[in-house]
């Protein structure tokens, strides 16, 4: 159903985000990562992408890329005034930095 929505509304980022989240739930990390990457390129202001994209990158052992994504999401959140998203991203960034001992 989500794939059909994406086909019908290719410029609507929520549909791709929802599909990526479904892939994330089923541990289909490769497909989720592909969609999240596409979202950051084609819909970079869709803030919800960054937290989940970063968390999957952490799960698959790409902490440096996750740090980049969290930082990018924080910057986008600042510009948009999205305080809640920025707070979540900052917490994820801090936790990862502590884990990596940075």
Protein backbone atom coordinates (compact mmCIF):
# COMPACT_ATOMS: atom_id res chain seq x y z
CA UNK A 1 0.00 0.00 0.00
CA UNK A 2 2.81 2.43 0.87
CA UNK A 3 4.61 1.66 -2.37
CA UNK A 4 1.43 2.56 -4.27
CA UNK A 5 1.15 5.84 -2.34
CA UNK A 6 4.77 6.65 -3.21
CA UNK A 7 4.06 5.93 -6.84
CA UNK A 8 0.95 8.14 -6.76
CA UNK A 9 2.56 10.94 -4.72
CA UNK A 10 6.32 10.83 -5.38
CA UNK A 11 6.95 14.29 -3.92
CA UNK A 12 5.31 13.47 -0.56
CA UNK A 13 8.17 12.57 1.82
CA UNK A 14 5.92 11.10 4.53
CA UNK A 15 5.04 8.11 2.38
CA UNK A 16 8.70 7.20 1.84
CA UNK A 17 9.42 7.85 5.52
CA UNK A 18 6.58 5.50 6.51
CA UNK A 19 7.92 2.79 4.19
CA UNK A 20 11.41 3.18 5.64
CA UNK A 21 9.96 2.84 9.14
CA UNK A 22 8.22 -0.38 8.11
CA UNK A 23 11.51 -1.74 6.82
CA UNK A 24 13.17 -0.66 10.06
CA UNK A 25 10.56 -2.53 12.13
CA UNK A 26 11.27 -5.72 10.20
CA UNK A 27 15.05 -5.27 10.49
CA UNK A 28 15.37 -4.79 6.75
CA UNK A 29 18.12 -2.26 7.33
CA UNK A 30 19.43 -2.05 3.79
CA UNK A 31 16.12 -0.98 2.30
CA UNK A 32 15.41 1.39 5.19
CA UNK A 33 18.85 2.97 4.82
CA UNK A 34 18.37 3.39 1.09
CA UNK A 35 15.08 5.21 1.60
CA UNK A 36 16.37 7.38 4.47
CA UNK A 37 19.39 8.32 2.36
CA UNK A 38 17.11 9.22 -0.53
CA UNK A 39 14.95 11.32 1.80
CA UNK A 40 17.92 13.33 3.06
CA UNK A 41 18.91 14.05 -0.53
CA UNK A 42 15.48 14.74 -2.02
CA UNK A 43 13.60 16.09 1.02
CA UNK A 44 16.35 17.39 3.32
CA UNK A 45 13.92 19.43 5.39
CA UNK A 46 11.89 16.37 6.43
CA UNK A 47 13.24 16.38 9.98
CA UNK A 48 11.81 13.06 11.17
CA UNK A 49 14.22 11.26 8.86
CA UNK A 50 17.41 12.15 10.70
CA UNK A 51 16.82 10.49 14.08
CA UNK A 52 15.75 7.16 12.61
CA UNK A 53 18.36 7.23 9.88
CA UNK A 54 21.07 7.79 12.49
CA UNK A 55 19.75 5.06 14.76
CA UNK A 56 19.83 2.46 11.97
CA UNK A 57 23.34 3.53 11.05
CA UNK A 58 24.33 2.88 14.66
CA UNK A 59 22.68 -0.55 14.55
CA UNK A 60 24.58 -1.59 11.43
CA UNK A 61 27.94 -0.44 12.79
CA UNK A 62 28.36 2.91 11.04
CA UNK A 63 28.75 5.26 14.01
CA UNK A 64 30.69 7.95 12.15
CA UNK A 65 27.99 8.25 9.51
CA UNK A 66 25.38 8.29 12.30
CA UNK A 67 27.20 11.23 13.93
CA UNK A 68 27.08 13.10 10.60
CA UNK A 69 23.38 12.46 10.19
CA UNK A 70 22.55 13.52 13.76
CA UNK A 71 24.54 16.73 13.31
CA UNK A 72 22.88 17.48 10.01
CA UNK A 73 19.47 16.88 11.56
CA UNK A 74 20.31 19.22 14.44
CA UNK A 75 21.22 21.97 11.99
CA UNK A 76 18.03 21.44 9.98
CA UNK A 77 15.98 21.44 13.21
CA UNK A 78 17.52 24.74 14.30
CA UNK A 79 16.66 26.38 11.00
CA UNK A 80 13.07 25.14 11.20
CA UNK A 81 12.67 25.86 14.90
CA UNK A 82 11.84 22.21 15.61
CA UNK A 83 12.81 22.11 19.28
CA UNK A 84 11.51 18.61 20.05
CA UNK A 85 13.33 17.02 17.11
CA UNK A 86 16.48 18.98 17.92
CA UNK A 87 16.37 17.76 21.52
CA UNK A 88 16.01 14.11 20.43
CA UNK A 89 18.84 14.46 17.93
CA UNK A 90 21.12 16.15 20.46
CA UNK A 91 20.47 13.36 22.96
CA UNK A 92 21.21 10.70 20.35
CA UNK A 93 24.38 12.53 19.34
CA UNK A 94 25.56 12.91 22.93
CA UNK A 95 24.85 9.25 23.73
CA UNK A 96 26.77 8.10 20.67
CA UNK A 97 29.68 10.43 21.41
CA UNK A 98 29.83 9.08 24.97
CA UNK A 99 29.70 5.51 23.68
CA UNK A 100 32.55 6.26 21.25
CA UNK A 101 34.39 8.18 23.98
CA UNK A 102 34.67 11.37 21.89
